[in-house]
Structure formats: structure tokens, C-alpha cells
Amino acid sequence: MEFIQAESLRNYWYPVIDVSDVGDQPKKVTLLGADYVVWHTPDGSVAAAPDRCPHREAPLSIGWIEEGNLVCAYHGWAFGDEGRCVEVPSSGQGATVPPAAHLPCVHAESRYGLVWICPGTPVASIPGVPHDDDPAFRRINTGVDVWKTAATRMVDNFLDISHFPWVHTGTFGDGLDRTVPKIELSQLDDDFYGYAYEVDANNPDEANVISGSEESTVHRWMTTGYALPLIVRSTIRYADGLEHILLLCSTPIDDVTSYFTFVVWRNDDHSVDAEETIAFDRAIGAEDKAMLQRVPGTLPLGQTDMVSVQSDRPSVDWRRNFLALVEK
């Protein structure tokens, strides 16, 4: 089902780029089929607006930042805080700026090392991750990748554990029990709805950094849940108290192309390099990406459009609520 034109989706927050990738130059991102320019304003906060100069429609993302202002590469029009046009060079100093020259900025925030934008009127906050404020945890950002698959298929996949023994044989899935115990859904916290479960996972050498153990198999206490429209969080706790939290973000560029990033929080001793810490998670994501990019089209959202079994309960529940949202 095509979904990006649903007006209701415009009223939620989506991560589109790492804050560190914005730097001192404007950047183009695409969300729900529309192009936006993202830049840092003079006060250091992030701003976003349609990637179109109101003068002659040149993309603002090919411009630059000068004295804290976003400058259009076509005629040099400059835009300051809140997208206000502060200079029209051809009109000279002191000339009146037409009211329509100001940029129609959209909501933009920095959170968890990511730039989040909401093109409409926010009806919900960016999902909360309390570990971000806990000094016992460190946050690791992983960069934003483009997946040639629908964001809806990604969420369906991230809510599912029955594919682990089949898709993740190169990482942790080899030897996993292929039978999924009965899943019970519940409110995990204020923002995420999902389920808790336990699993004995394969722990190859390259996973030792994540698990903190050199045992060939480790027991994991886990939760997986979603926050509408398209955010999934997975938590992992080990017997020694080590916790590994993943925020899995699927942002629709269009109906069949998406940004993907995951953010990790860990209460480890910070002694292991961040890149080494997330290498195994990257390998897991690559297995998901390889599978999903082979599945064409968007995810059918109707309850009878695909065959589902009890292990699919989390996705069935999410699809029902997501469909209700896009049909508003």
C-alpha cells in the first residue's frame, strides 16, 4: 500500500541525518517524497525548510552558510534565524524584503545525535529514551544509510523474531530455536508498545564485545516495541547486568526507499572503541538489508492481505494501528 501521501504522517517526527553530518554547510534530505534543506542557524540550533528558494526556486542545499545565514547560490538571497530573508543583494541595502521571501520552515530538533524534522504540526513528541540522560550509559551513533525498501517493510522486520534463525545465520541466528513462544503484547513504557522475551543467542567471537562474554551462547532478556508511526526499540540485558539498547529508525524517503539508522546505548565501561562495539550490529543490519531489498513494493497493510501466525502478533498489531493512522 502506498502511504507517503497520507497527511497524518506529516504530523510526526522523523530522523533524517546525523547532526554531525550537517556541519557548517546546508544539506539536502528527502522525507515523504519532499525535499528539505537542513542547516545550522547562527545560534547553533538546526533548521529545516523546503529545499526551494522562494525567489526562483533554486535548491537551497547547493548554497552555503555565510555569517550564520543560509545563502542561495542562484541570486545570493540570504536567510537567517527562523528562515527570515535578511538580504536581497539586487535590491541594495535597506530595501524592503517581500513577506513571501521568508522560508516556510518546518519543525526541526536535534535529539540522540540525529536531526529530526516534522513537516506538519506535531501530534506527539520524539519517542523518549531515558538512557540518553543516564550517565551510566554511553550513546553511539552509526550514521544514516539508504535502503531500497519500504519503511513499512523495515518496521515489520524489526518487530519480528521468527526470521532470526533464517536471515541472521552469519551473526547470532545459527542454532537458535526456530519455534517462537507465545507472544504477549503490553505497554512497555510511555512511548513503546510491544513484548518481552528471552532467548539463548549464538555468541561468536565478533559478538563478544556486545555481550561482554566469551561463552559460545549467551542468555538474553529482551524487549521489542514500536512507537507510531515507524520507530522500533529493542532492549537487551545480559546476566551480568550489561544492557544494550537499540533505537531502530526507518524514515520514508518515498514509498519504496528509506533512510535507516540505529542508535545504541550501553552501560559498559567505555573501554572498547565505539566502532568496534557496533560492528556486530552493523553486520546484523546488513543481513536484514540484503533480505528486504529483495522484497519488492510496499508492505500490504490489510489484516487479510498476507498470511500471519502467532509469531507475527507484534507486526499485525503495528500494521493495524499504522493503517488507522494513514487512513485518518
C-alpha atoms as a PDB file:
ATOM      1  CA  MET A   1       0.000   0.000   0.000  1.00  0.00           C
ATOM      2  CA  GLU A   2       1.337   3.449  -0.926  1.00  0.00           C
ATOM      3  CA  PHE A   3       1.394   5.602   2.174  1.00  0.00           C
ATOM      4  CA  ILE A   4       3.660   8.646   1.920  1.00  0.00           C
ATOM      5  CA  GLN A   5       0.857  10.947   0.759  1.00  0.00           C
ATOM      6  CA  ALA A   6      -1.098  10.403   3.972  1.00  0.00           C
ATOM      7  CA  GLU A   7      -1.459  13.862   5.503  1.00  0.00           C
ATOM      8  CA  SER A   8      -1.480  12.428   9.026  1.00  0.00           C
ATOM      9  CA  LEU A   9       2.098  11.170   8.672  1.00  0.00           C
ATOM     10  CA  ARG A  10       3.329  14.741   8.262  1.00  0.00           C
ATOM     11  CA  ASN A  11       2.494  15.380  11.927  1.00  0.00           C
ATOM     12  CA  TYR A  12       5.170  13.075  13.345  1.00  0.00           C
ATOM     13  CA  TRP A  13       8.932  13.340  13.833  1.00  0.00           C
ATOM     14  CA  TYR A  14      11.441  11.548  11.592  1.00  0.00           C
ATOM     15  CA  PRO A  15      15.250  11.361  11.838  1.00  0.00           C
ATOM     16  CA  VAL A  16      16.824  12.342   8.526  1.00  0.00           C
ATOM     17  CA  ILE A  17      20.554  12.963   9.080  1.00  0.00           C
ATOM     18  CA  ASP A  18      23.241  12.813  11.755  1.00  0.00           C
ATOM     19  CA  VAL A  19      23.769  16.164  13.468  1.00  0.00           C
ATOM     20  CA  SER A  20      27.495  15.766  12.806  1.00  0.00           C
ATOM     21  CA  ASP A  21      26.836  15.463   9.063  1.00  0.00           C
ATOM     22  CA  VAL A  22      25.168  18.853   8.865  1.00  0.00           C
ATOM     23  CA  GLY A  23      28.384  20.596   9.853  1.00  0.00           C
ATOM     24  CA  ASP A  24      28.846  24.113   8.504  1.00  0.00           C
ATOM     25  CA  GLN A  25      27.106  23.607   5.150  1.00  0.00           C
ATOM     26  CA  PRO A  26      23.440  23.096   4.223  1.00  0.00           C
ATOM     27  CA  LYS A  27      22.365  19.533   3.454  1.00  0.00           C
ATOM     28  CA  LYS A  28      19.532  18.121   1.357  1.00  0.00           C
ATOM     29  CA  VAL A  29      17.285  15.398   2.769  1.00  0.00           C
ATOM     30  CA  THR A  30      14.096  13.861   1.433  1.00  0.00           C
ATOM     31  CA  LEU A  31      11.123  12.927   3.597  1.00  0.00           C
ATOM     32  CA  LEU A  32       7.733  11.602   2.480  1.00  0.00           C
ATOM     33  CA  GLY A  33       8.552  12.467  -1.120  1.00  0.00           C
ATOM     34  CA  ALA A  34       9.501  16.101  -0.445  1.00  0.00           C
ATOM     35  CA  ASP A  35      12.990  17.657  -0.434  1.00  0.00           C
ATOM     36  CA  TYR A  36      14.177  19.745   2.525  1.00  0.00           C
ATOM     37  CA  VAL A  37      17.313  21.722   3.290  1.00  0.00           C
ATOM     38  CA  VAL A  38      18.790  21.317   6.780  1.00  0.00           C
ATOM     39  CA  TRP A  39      21.307  23.751   8.237  1.00  0.00           C
ATOM     40  CA  HIS A  40      22.657  25.209  11.468  1.00  0.00           C
ATOM     41  CA  THR A  41      21.335  28.644  12.380  1.00  0.00           C
ATOM     42  CA  PRO A  42      23.509  31.378  13.942  1.00  0.00           C
ATOM     43  CA  ASP A  43      22.591  30.233  17.463  1.00  0.00           C
ATOM     44  CA  GLY A  44      23.774  26.668  16.709  1.00  0.00           C
ATOM     45  CA  SER A  45      20.354  25.034  16.534  1.00  0.00           C
ATOM     46  CA  VAL A  46      19.160  23.137  13.474  1.00  0.00           C
ATOM     47  CA  ALA A  47      16.592  24.420  10.997  1.00  0.00           C
ATOM     48  CA  ALA A  48      14.797  22.833   8.054  1.00  0.00           C
ATOM     49  CA  ALA A  49      12.736  24.212   5.199  1.00  0.00           C
ATOM     50  CA  PRO A  50      11.586  23.080   1.754  1.00  0.00           C
ATOM     51  CA  ASP A  51      14.685  22.893  -0.466  1.00  0.00           C
ATOM     52  CA  ARG A  52      13.485  25.721  -2.684  1.00  0.00           C
ATOM     53  CA  CYS A  53      14.379  29.375  -2.735  1.00  0.00           C
ATOM     54  CA  PRO A  54      11.150  31.447  -2.886  1.00  0.00           C
ATOM     55  CA  HIS A  55      12.755  33.719  -5.481  1.00  0.00           C
ATOM     56  CA  ARG A  56      13.431  31.454  -8.491  1.00  0.00           C
ATOM     57  CA  GLU A  57      13.157  28.012  -6.893  1.00  0.00           C
ATOM     58  CA  ALA A  58      16.844  27.052  -6.890  1.00  0.00           C
ATOM     59  CA  PRO A  59      17.671  24.306  -4.362  1.00  0.00           C
ATOM     60  CA  LEU A  60      18.977  25.994  -1.233  1.00  0.00           C
ATOM     61  CA  SER A  61      21.043  22.906  -0.389  1.00  0.00           C
ATOM     62  CA  ILE A  62      23.557  23.861  -3.112  1.00  0.00           C
ATOM     63  CA  GLY A  63      24.151  27.170  -1.365  1.00  0.00           C
ATOM     64  CA  TRP A  64      26.362  27.912   1.641  1.00  0.00           C
ATOM     65  CA  ILE A  65      26.459  29.429   5.112  1.00  0.00           C
ATOM     66  CA  GLU A  66      27.843  32.967   5.386  1.00  0.00           C
ATOM     67  CA  GLU A  67      27.924  34.898   8.670  1.00  0.00           C
ATOM     68  CA  GLY A  68      25.455  32.385  10.040  1.00  0.00           C
ATOM     69  CA  ASN A  69      22.949  32.857   7.197  1.00  0.00           C
ATOM     70  CA  LEU A  70      21.867  30.382   4.547  1.00  0.00           C
ATOM     71  CA  VAL A  71      22.757  31.861   1.154  1.00  0.00           C
ATOM     72  CA  CYS A  72      21.120  30.845  -2.120  1.00  0.00           C
ATOM     73  CA  ALA A  73      23.634  30.020  -4.867  1.00  0.00           C
ATOM     74  CA  TYR A  74      21.449  31.488  -7.649  1.00  0.00           C
ATOM     75  CA  HIS A  75      20.980  35.141  -6.661  1.00  0.00           C
ATOM     76  CA  GLY A  76      22.560  35.378  -3.226  1.00  0.00           C
ATOM     77  CA  TRP A  77      19.406  35.818  -1.181  1.00  0.00           C
ATOM     78  CA  ALA A  78      20.267  35.164   2.474  1.00  0.00           C
ATOM     79  CA  PHE A  79      18.118  33.617   5.206  1.00  0.00           C
ATOM     80  CA  GLY A  80      18.725  33.924   8.943  1.00  0.00           C
ATOM     81  CA  ASP A  81      17.026  32.653  12.109  1.00  0.00           C
ATOM     82  CA  GLU A  82      13.627  31.034  11.565  1.00  0.00           C
ATOM     83  CA  GLY A  83      14.226  31.254   7.799  1.00  0.00           C
ATOM     84  CA  ARG A  84      13.694  35.001   7.640  1.00  0.00           C
ATOM     85  CA  CYS A  85      15.054  36.572   4.466  1.00  0.00           C
ATOM     86  CA  VAL A  86      17.672  39.082   5.636  1.00  0.00           C
ATOM     87  CA  GLU A  87      19.231  40.130   2.350  1.00  0.00           C
ATOM     88  CA  VAL A  88      18.240  40.581  -1.302  1.00  0.00           C
ATOM     89  CA  PRO A  89      21.516  41.743  -2.932  1.00  0.00           C
ATOM     90  CA  SER A  90      19.923  43.025  -6.121  1.00  0.00           C
ATOM     91  CA  SER A  91      17.709  45.421  -4.144  1.00  0.00           C
ATOM     92  CA  GLY A  92      20.550  47.076  -2.237  1.00  0.00           C
ATOM     93  CA  GLN A  93      20.970  47.927   1.429  1.00  0.00           C
ATOM     94  CA  GLY A  94      17.855  48.849   3.380  1.00  0.00           C
ATOM     95  CA  ALA A  95      15.382  47.668   0.747  1.00  0.00           C
ATOM     96  CA  THR A  96      12.106  46.202   1.940  1.00  0.00           C
ATOM     97  CA  VAL A  97      12.042  42.410   1.882  1.00  0.00           C
ATOM     98  CA  PRO A  98       8.784  40.980   0.493  1.00  0.00           C
ATOM     99  CA  PRO A  99       6.904  38.990   3.179  1.00  0.00           C
ATOM    100  CA  ALA A 100       6.708  35.977   0.849  1.00  0.00           C
ATOM    101  CA  ALA A 101      10.522  35.868   0.738  1.00  0.00           C
ATOM    102  CA  HIS A 102      10.768  34.245   4.172  1.00  0.00           C
ATOM    103  CA  LEU A 103      11.215  30.472   4.224  1.00  0.00           C
ATOM    104  CA  PRO A 104       8.310  28.313   5.428  1.00  0.00           C
ATOM    105  CA  CYS A 105      10.439  26.427   7.960  1.00  0.00           C
ATOM    106  CA  VAL A 106       9.264  23.101   9.344  1.00  0.00           C
ATOM    107  CA  HIS A 107       9.813  21.827  12.876  1.00  0.00           C
ATOM    108  CA  ALA A 108      13.385  20.629  13.459  1.00  0.00           C
ATOM    109  CA  GLU A 109      15.154  19.313  16.560  1.00  0.00           C
ATOM    110  CA  SER A 110      18.433  17.671  17.481  1.00  0.00           C
ATOM    111  CA  ARG A 111      17.922  14.546  19.584  1.00  0.00           C
ATOM    112  CA  TYR A 112      20.084  11.464  20.161  1.00  0.00           C
ATOM    113  CA  GLY A 113      22.726  12.815  17.769  1.00  0.00           C
ATOM    114  CA  LEU A 114      20.172  12.996  14.936  1.00  0.00           C
ATOM    115  CA  VAL A 115      18.261  15.794  13.227  1.00  0.00           C
ATOM    116  CA  TRP A 116      14.528  15.096  13.439  1.00  0.00           C
ATOM    117  CA  ILE A 117      12.014  17.022  11.350  1.00  0.00           C
ATOM    118  CA  CYS A 118       8.234  17.211  11.382  1.00  0.00           C
ATOM    119  CA  PRO A 119       6.730  18.746   8.218  1.00  0.00           C
ATOM    120  CA  GLY A 120       3.312  19.330   9.783  1.00  0.00           C
ATOM    121  CA  THR A 121       2.027  20.084  13.275  1.00  0.00           C
ATOM    122  CA  PRO A 122       3.489  17.638  15.827  1.00  0.00           C
ATOM    123  CA  VAL A 123       0.854  15.486  17.491  1.00  0.00           C
ATOM    124  CA  ALA A 124       3.413  13.504  19.510  1.00  0.00           C
ATOM    125  CA  SER A 125       6.895  14.012  20.888  1.00  0.00           C
ATOM    126  CA  ILE A 126      10.038  12.333  19.640  1.00  0.00           C
ATOM    127  CA  PRO A 127       9.970   8.913  21.376  1.00  0.00           C
ATOM    128  CA  GLY A 128      11.752   9.018  24.722  1.00  0.00           C
ATOM    129  CA  VAL A 129      14.884   7.027  25.512  1.00  0.00           C
ATOM    130  CA  PRO A 130      15.665   7.683  29.194  1.00  0.00           C
ATOM    131  CA  HIS A 131      19.078   6.032  28.857  1.00  0.00           C
ATOM    132  CA  ASP A 132      20.210   9.142  26.967  1.00  0.00           C
ATOM    133  CA  ASP A 133      20.070  11.090  30.232  1.00  0.00           C
ATOM    134  CA  ASP A 134      21.619   8.323  32.358  1.00  0.00           C
ATOM    135  CA  PRO A 135      25.361   8.899  32.934  1.00  0.00           C
ATOM    136  CA  ALA A 136      25.851   5.141  33.280  1.00  0.00           C
ATOM    137  CA  PHE A 137      25.124   4.798  29.566  1.00  0.00           C
ATOM    138  CA  ARG A 138      27.048   5.995  26.539  1.00  0.00           C
ATOM    139  CA  ARG A 139      25.389   6.724  23.229  1.00  0.00           C
ATOM    140  CA  ILE A 140      26.841   5.533  19.927  1.00  0.00           C
ATOM    141  CA  ASN A 141      25.594   6.886  16.609  1.00  0.00           C
ATOM    142  CA  THR A 142      26.022   4.789  13.492  1.00  0.00           C
ATOM    143  CA  GLY A 143      25.351   7.061  10.523  1.00  0.00           C
ATOM    144  CA  VAL A 144      22.370   7.212   8.194  1.00  0.00           C
ATOM    145  CA  ASP A 145      22.152   4.711   5.342  1.00  0.00           C
ATOM    146  CA  VAL A 146      19.749   4.470   2.372  1.00  0.00           C
ATOM    147  CA  TRP A 147      17.846   1.204   1.987  1.00  0.00           C
ATOM    148  CA  LYS A 148      15.986   0.445  -1.229  1.00  0.00           C
ATOM    149  CA  THR A 149      12.960  -0.883   0.567  1.00  0.00           C
ATOM    150  CA  ALA A 150       9.765   0.465   2.101  1.00  0.00           C
ATOM    151  CA  ALA A 151       9.966   1.789   5.657  1.00  0.00           C
ATOM    152  CA  THR A 152       6.858  -0.272   6.401  1.00  0.00           C
ATOM    153  CA  ARG A 153       8.697  -3.472   5.482  1.00  0.00           C
ATOM    154  CA  MET A 154      11.556  -2.436   7.734  1.00  0.00           C
ATOM    155  CA  VAL A 155       9.303  -1.950  10.769  1.00  0.00           C
ATOM    156  CA  ASP A 156       7.582  -5.269  10.081  1.00  0.00           C
ATOM    157  CA  ASN A 157      11.014  -6.921  10.033  1.00  0.00           C
ATOM    158  CA  PHE A 158      12.342  -5.222  13.169  1.00  0.00           C
ATOM    159  CA  LEU A 159       9.285  -6.304  15.174  1.00  0.00           C
ATOM    160  CA  ASP A 160       9.752  -9.935  14.125  1.00  0.00           C
ATOM    161  CA  ILE A 161      11.948 -12.548  15.802  1.00  0.00           C
ATOM    162  CA  SER A 162      10.904 -15.585  13.760  1.00  0.00           C
ATOM    163  CA  HIS A 163      13.315 -14.646  10.954  1.00  0.00           C
ATOM    164  CA  PHE A 164      16.369 -14.748  13.257  1.00  0.00           C
ATOM    165  CA  PRO A 165      17.370 -18.406  12.595  1.00  0.00           C
ATOM    166  CA  TRP A 166      16.985 -17.925   8.840  1.00  0.00           C
ATOM    167  CA  VAL A 167      18.271 -14.435   7.978  1.00  0.00           C
ATOM    168  CA  HIS A 168      20.899 -13.979  10.690  1.00  0.00           C
ATOM    169  CA  THR A 169      22.855 -17.195  10.243  1.00  0.00           C
ATOM    170  CA  GLY A 170      26.047 -15.232   9.689  1.00  0.00           C
ATOM    171  CA  THR A 171      25.765 -13.416  13.019  1.00  0.00           C
ATOM    172  CA  PHE A 172      23.739 -14.635  16.004  1.00  0.00           C
ATOM    173  CA  GLY A 173      20.934 -16.743  14.485  1.00  0.00           C
ATOM    174  CA  ASP A 174      22.725 -20.014  13.777  1.00  0.00           C
ATOM    175  CA  GLY A 175      21.378 -22.712  16.096  1.00  0.00           C
ATOM    176  CA  LEU A 176      18.534 -20.606  17.527  1.00  0.00           C
ATOM    177  CA  ASP A 177      15.289 -22.359  18.418  1.00  0.00           C
ATOM    178  CA  ARG A 178      13.040 -21.952  15.381  1.00  0.00           C
ATOM    179  CA  THR A 179       9.874 -22.146  17.463  1.00  0.00           C
ATOM    180  CA  VAL A 180       8.657 -18.806  18.814  1.00  0.00           C
ATOM    181  CA  PRO A 181       6.940 -18.951  22.228  1.00  0.00           C
ATOM    182  CA  LYS A 182       3.533 -17.341  22.582  1.00  0.00           C
ATOM    183  CA  ILE A 183       3.897 -13.558  22.392  1.00  0.00           C
ATOM    184  CA  GLU A 184       2.000 -11.310  24.781  1.00  0.00           C
ATOM    185  CA  LEU A 185       1.820  -7.618  23.910  1.00  0.00           C
ATOM    186  CA  SER A 186       1.779  -4.849  26.503  1.00  0.00           C
ATOM    187  CA  GLN A 187       2.709  -1.220  27.064  1.00  0.00           C
ATOM    188  CA  LEU A 188       6.455  -1.306  27.715  1.00  0.00           C
ATOM    189  CA  ASP A 189       6.653   2.336  28.841  1.00  0.00           C
ATOM    190  CA  ASP A 190       5.115   5.701  27.963  1.00  0.00           C
ATOM    191  CA  ASP A 191       6.124   5.536  24.297  1.00  0.00           C
ATOM    192  CA  PHE A 192       6.681   1.926  23.234  1.00  0.00           C
ATOM    193  CA  TYR A 193       4.207  -0.934  22.891  1.00  0.00           C
ATOM    194  CA  GLY A 194       5.479  -4.457  22.356  1.00  0.00           C
ATOM    195  CA  TYR A 195       6.633  -7.595  24.095  1.00  0.00           C
ATOM    196  CA  ALA A 196       9.283  -9.099  26.365  1.00  0.00           C
ATOM    197  CA  TYR A 197      11.025 -12.381  25.697  1.00  0.00           C
ATOM    198  CA  GLU A 198      14.119 -14.417  26.497  1.00  0.00           C
ATOM    199  CA  VAL A 199      16.455 -16.116  24.067  1.00  0.00           C
ATOM    200  CA  ASP A 200      19.679 -18.114  24.051  1.00  0.00           C
ATOM    201  CA  ALA A 201      21.708 -16.498  21.271  1.00  0.00           C
ATOM    202  CA  ASN A 202      24.780 -17.601  19.392  1.00  0.00           C
ATOM    203  CA  ASN A 203      27.785 -15.586  20.611  1.00  0.00           C
ATOM    204  CA  PRO A 204      30.609 -15.823  18.042  1.00  0.00           C
ATOM    205  CA  ASP A 205      33.938 -14.146  18.737  1.00  0.00           C
ATOM    206  CA  GLU A 206      32.923 -10.976  16.931  1.00  0.00           C
ATOM    207  CA  ALA A 207      29.899 -10.638  19.255  1.00  0.00           C
ATOM    208  CA  ASN A 208      31.910 -10.839  22.483  1.00  0.00           C
ATOM    209  CA  VAL A 209      32.256  -7.062  22.632  1.00  0.00           C
ATOM    210  CA  ILE A 210      28.469  -6.604  22.589  1.00  0.00           C
ATOM    211  CA  SER A 211      27.643  -9.378  25.054  1.00  0.00           C
ATOM    212  CA  GLY A 212      30.609  -8.876  27.359  1.00  0.00           C
ATOM    213  CA  SER A 213      31.024 -12.662  27.405  1.00  0.00           C
ATOM    214  CA  GLU A 214      33.246 -15.201  25.677  1.00  0.00           C
ATOM    215  CA  GLU A 215      30.753 -18.038  26.116  1.00  0.00           C
ATOM    216  CA  SER A 216      29.596 -19.627  22.846  1.00  0.00           C
ATOM    217  CA  THR A 217      25.957 -18.987  23.798  1.00  0.00           C
ATOM    218  CA  VAL A 218      24.539 -16.179  25.912  1.00  0.00           C
ATOM    219  CA  HIS A 219      21.136 -15.749  27.507  1.00  0.00           C
ATOM    220  CA  ARG A 220      19.376 -12.505  26.638  1.00  0.00           C
ATOM    221  CA  TRP A 221      16.417 -10.851  28.337  1.00  0.00           C
ATOM    222  CA  MET A 222      14.881  -8.681  25.636  1.00  0.00           C
ATOM    223  CA  THR A 223      12.027  -6.367  24.744  1.00  0.00           C
ATOM    224  CA  THR A 224      10.936  -5.167  21.332  1.00  0.00           C
ATOM    225  CA  GLY A 225       8.339  -2.480  20.797  1.00  0.00           C
ATOM    226  CA  TYR A 226       7.153   0.239  18.459  1.00  0.00           C
ATOM    227  CA  ALA A 227       6.206   3.894  18.643  1.00  0.00           C
ATOM    228  CA  LEU A 228       3.972   5.094  15.832  1.00  0.00           C
ATOM    229  CA  PRO A 229       4.494   5.653  13.088  1.00  0.00           C
ATOM    230  CA  LEU A 230       7.816   3.938  12.285  1.00  0.00           C
ATOM    231  CA  ILE A 231      10.198   3.732  15.263  1.00  0.00           C
ATOM    232  CA  VAL A 232      11.224   0.426  16.874  1.00  0.00           C
ATOM    233  CA  ARG A 233      13.228  -0.047  20.063  1.00  0.00           C
ATOM    234  CA  SER A 234      14.945  -3.242  21.121  1.00  0.00           C
ATOM    235  CA  THR A 235      16.474  -3.741  24.580  1.00  0.00           C
ATOM    236  CA  ILE A 236      18.910  -6.481  25.534  1.00  0.00           C
ATOM    237  CA  ARG A 237      20.037  -7.328  29.065  1.00  0.00           C
ATOM    238  CA  TYR A 238      22.658  -9.919  29.977  1.00  0.00           C
ATOM    239  CA  ALA A 239      23.150 -11.884  33.190  1.00  0.00           C
ATOM    240  CA  ASP A 240      25.933  -9.600  34.435  1.00  0.00           C
ATOM    241  CA  GLY A 241      23.706  -6.511  34.141  1.00  0.00           C
ATOM    242  CA  LEU A 242      25.123  -5.244  30.861  1.00  0.00           C
ATOM    243  CA  GLU A 243      22.402  -3.537  28.787  1.00  0.00           C
ATOM    244  CA  HIS A 244      22.418  -2.823  25.060  1.00  0.00           C
ATOM    245  CA  ILE A 245      19.605  -0.574  23.791  1.00  0.00           C
ATOM    246  CA  LEU A 246      18.904  -0.065  20.092  1.00  0.00           C
ATOM    247  CA  LEU A 247      16.657   2.579  18.575  1.00  0.00           C
ATOM    248  CA  LEU A 248      15.852   1.423  15.027  1.00  0.00           C
ATOM    249  CA  CYS A 249      14.724   4.297  12.820  1.00  0.00           C
ATOM    250  CA  SER A 250      13.072   3.790   9.418  1.00  0.00           C
ATOM    251  CA  THR A 251      12.352   7.086   7.652  1.00  0.00           C
ATOM    252  CA  PRO A 252      10.438   7.052   4.341  1.00  0.00           C
ATOM    253  CA  ILE A 253      12.176   8.902   1.519  1.00  0.00           C
ATOM    254  CA  ASP A 254       9.384   7.679  -0.741  1.00  0.00           C
ATOM    255  CA  ASP A 255       7.138   4.628  -0.690  1.00  0.00           C
ATOM    256  CA  VAL A 256       9.938   2.173  -1.523  1.00  0.00           C
ATOM    257  CA  THR A 257      13.140   3.932  -0.381  1.00  0.00           C
ATOM    258  CA  SER A 258      14.112   4.758   3.184  1.00  0.00           C
ATOM    259  CA  TYR A 259      16.754   6.180   5.455  1.00  0.00           C
ATOM    260  CA  PHE A 260      17.898   3.778   8.136  1.00  0.00           C
ATOM    261  CA  THR A 261      19.900   4.479  11.234  1.00  0.00           C
ATOM    262  CA  PHE A 262      20.220   2.827  14.597  1.00  0.00           C
ATOM    263  CA  VAL A 263      21.374   4.432  17.820  1.00  0.00           C
ATOM    264  CA  VAL A 264      22.949   2.348  20.590  1.00  0.00           C
ATOM    265  CA  TRP A 265      23.096   2.986  24.334  1.00  0.00           C
ATOM    266  CA  ARG A 266      25.282   0.793  26.579  1.00  0.00           C
ATOM    267  CA  ASN A 267      26.133   0.794  30.278  1.00  0.00           C
ATOM    268  CA  ASP A 268      29.601  -0.626  29.634  1.00  0.00           C
ATOM    269  CA  ASP A 269      32.884   0.790  30.901  1.00  0.00           C
ATOM    270  CA  HIS A 270      33.542   2.651  27.620  1.00  0.00           C
ATOM    271  CA  SER A 271      36.881   0.879  27.260  1.00  0.00           C
ATOM    272  CA  VAL A 272      36.069  -0.579  23.847  1.00  0.00           C
ATOM    273  CA  ASP A 273      36.129   1.653  20.766  1.00  0.00           C
ATOM    274  CA  ALA A 274      32.645   2.679  19.629  1.00  0.00           C
ATOM    275  CA  GLU A 275      33.140   1.406  16.079  1.00  0.00           C
ATOM    276  CA  GLU A 276      34.233  -1.979  17.378  1.00  0.00           C
ATOM    277  CA  THR A 277      31.210  -2.023  19.678  1.00  0.00           C
ATOM    278  CA  ILE A 278      28.712  -1.538  16.844  1.00  0.00           C
ATOM    279  CA  ALA A 279      30.453  -3.668  14.204  1.00  0.00           C
ATOM    280  CA  PHE A 280      28.374  -6.748  15.032  1.00  0.00           C
ATOM    281  CA  ASP A 281      25.140  -4.741  14.999  1.00  0.00           C
ATOM    282  CA  ARG A 282      26.118  -3.379  11.581  1.00  0.00           C
ATOM    283  CA  ALA A 283      26.572  -6.952  10.339  1.00  0.00           C
ATOM    284  CA  ILE A 284      23.102  -7.874  11.631  1.00  0.00           C
ATOM    285  CA  GLY A 285      21.614  -4.849   9.864  1.00  0.00           C
ATOM    286  CA  ALA A 286      23.368  -5.799   6.629  1.00  0.00           C
ATOM    287  CA  GLU A 287      21.650  -9.195   6.736  1.00  0.00           C
ATOM    288  CA  ASP A 288      18.252  -7.508   7.159  1.00  0.00           C
ATOM    289  CA  LYS A 289      19.006  -5.049   4.364  1.00  0.00           C
ATOM    290  CA  ALA A 290      20.073  -7.810   1.962  1.00  0.00           C
ATOM    291  CA  MET A 291      16.798  -9.647   2.512  1.00  0.00           C
ATOM    292  CA  LEU A 292      14.446  -6.657   2.475  1.00  0.00           C
ATOM    293  CA  GLN A 293      15.918  -5.176  -0.713  1.00  0.00           C
ATOM    294  CA  ARG A 294      14.899  -8.395  -2.460  1.00  0.00           C
ATOM    295  CA  VAL A 295      11.238  -7.950  -1.490  1.00  0.00           C
ATOM    296  CA  PRO A 296       9.516  -5.590  -3.970  1.00  0.00           C
ATOM    297  CA  GLY A 297       6.910  -2.944  -3.289  1.00  0.00           C
ATOM    298  CA  THR A 298       5.365  -1.625  -0.116  1.00  0.00           C
ATOM    299  CA  LEU A 299       4.037  -3.766   2.709  1.00  0.00           C
ATOM    300  CA  PRO A 300       0.343  -4.712   2.406  1.00  0.00           C
ATOM    301  CA  LEU A 301      -1.386  -3.289   5.473  1.00  0.00           C
ATOM    302  CA  GLY A 302      -4.764  -5.041   5.442  1.00  0.00           C
ATOM    303  CA  GLN A 303      -5.178  -7.786   8.021  1.00  0.00           C
ATOM    304  CA  THR A 304      -6.043 -10.376   5.354  1.00  0.00           C
ATOM    305  CA  ASP A 305      -3.576  -9.222   2.677  1.00  0.00           C
ATOM    306  CA  MET A 306      -0.872 -11.587   3.956  1.00  0.00           C
ATOM    307  CA  VAL A 307      -0.924 -14.812   5.942  1.00  0.00           C
ATOM    308  CA  SER A 308       0.092 -14.304   9.580  1.00  0.00           C
ATOM    309  CA  VAL A 309       0.641 -16.667  12.509  1.00  0.00           C
ATOM    310  CA  GLN A 310       1.010 -16.144  16.254  1.00  0.00           C
ATOM    311  CA  SER A 311       4.673 -15.112  15.984  1.00  0.00           C
ATOM    312  CA  ASP A 312       3.534 -12.202  13.788  1.00  0.00           C
ATOM    313  CA  ARG A 313       1.373 -10.642  16.507  1.00  0.00           C
ATOM    314  CA  PRO A 314       3.617  -7.582  17.037  1.00  0.00           C
ATOM    315  CA  SER A 315       3.612  -6.713  13.339  1.00  0.00           C
ATOM    316  CA  VAL A 316      -0.113  -7.413  12.957  1.00  0.00           C
ATOM    317  CA  ASP A 317      -0.809  -5.041  15.848  1.00  0.00           C
ATOM    318  CA  TRP A 318       1.502  -2.354  14.479  1.00  0.00           C
ATOM    319  CA  ARG A 319       0.046  -2.671  10.942  1.00  0.00           C
ATOM    320  CA  ARG A 320      -3.499  -2.276  12.274  1.00  0.00           C
ATOM    321  CA  ASN A 321      -2.579   0.920  14.118  1.00  0.00           C
ATOM    322  CA  PHE A 322      -0.433   2.275  11.304  1.00  0.00           C
ATOM    323  CA  LEU A 323      -3.239   1.704   8.791  1.00  0.00           C
ATOM    324  CA  ALA A 324      -5.690   3.519  11.060  1.00  0.00           C
ATOM    325  CA  LEU A 325      -3.221   6.395  11.222  1.00  0.00           C
ATOM    326  CA  VAL A 326      -2.686   6.761   7.462  1.00  0.00           C
ATOM    327  CA  GLU A 327      -6.423   6.498   6.798  1.00  0.00           C
ATOM    328  CA  LYS A 328      -7.275   9.415   9.101  1.00  0.00           C
END
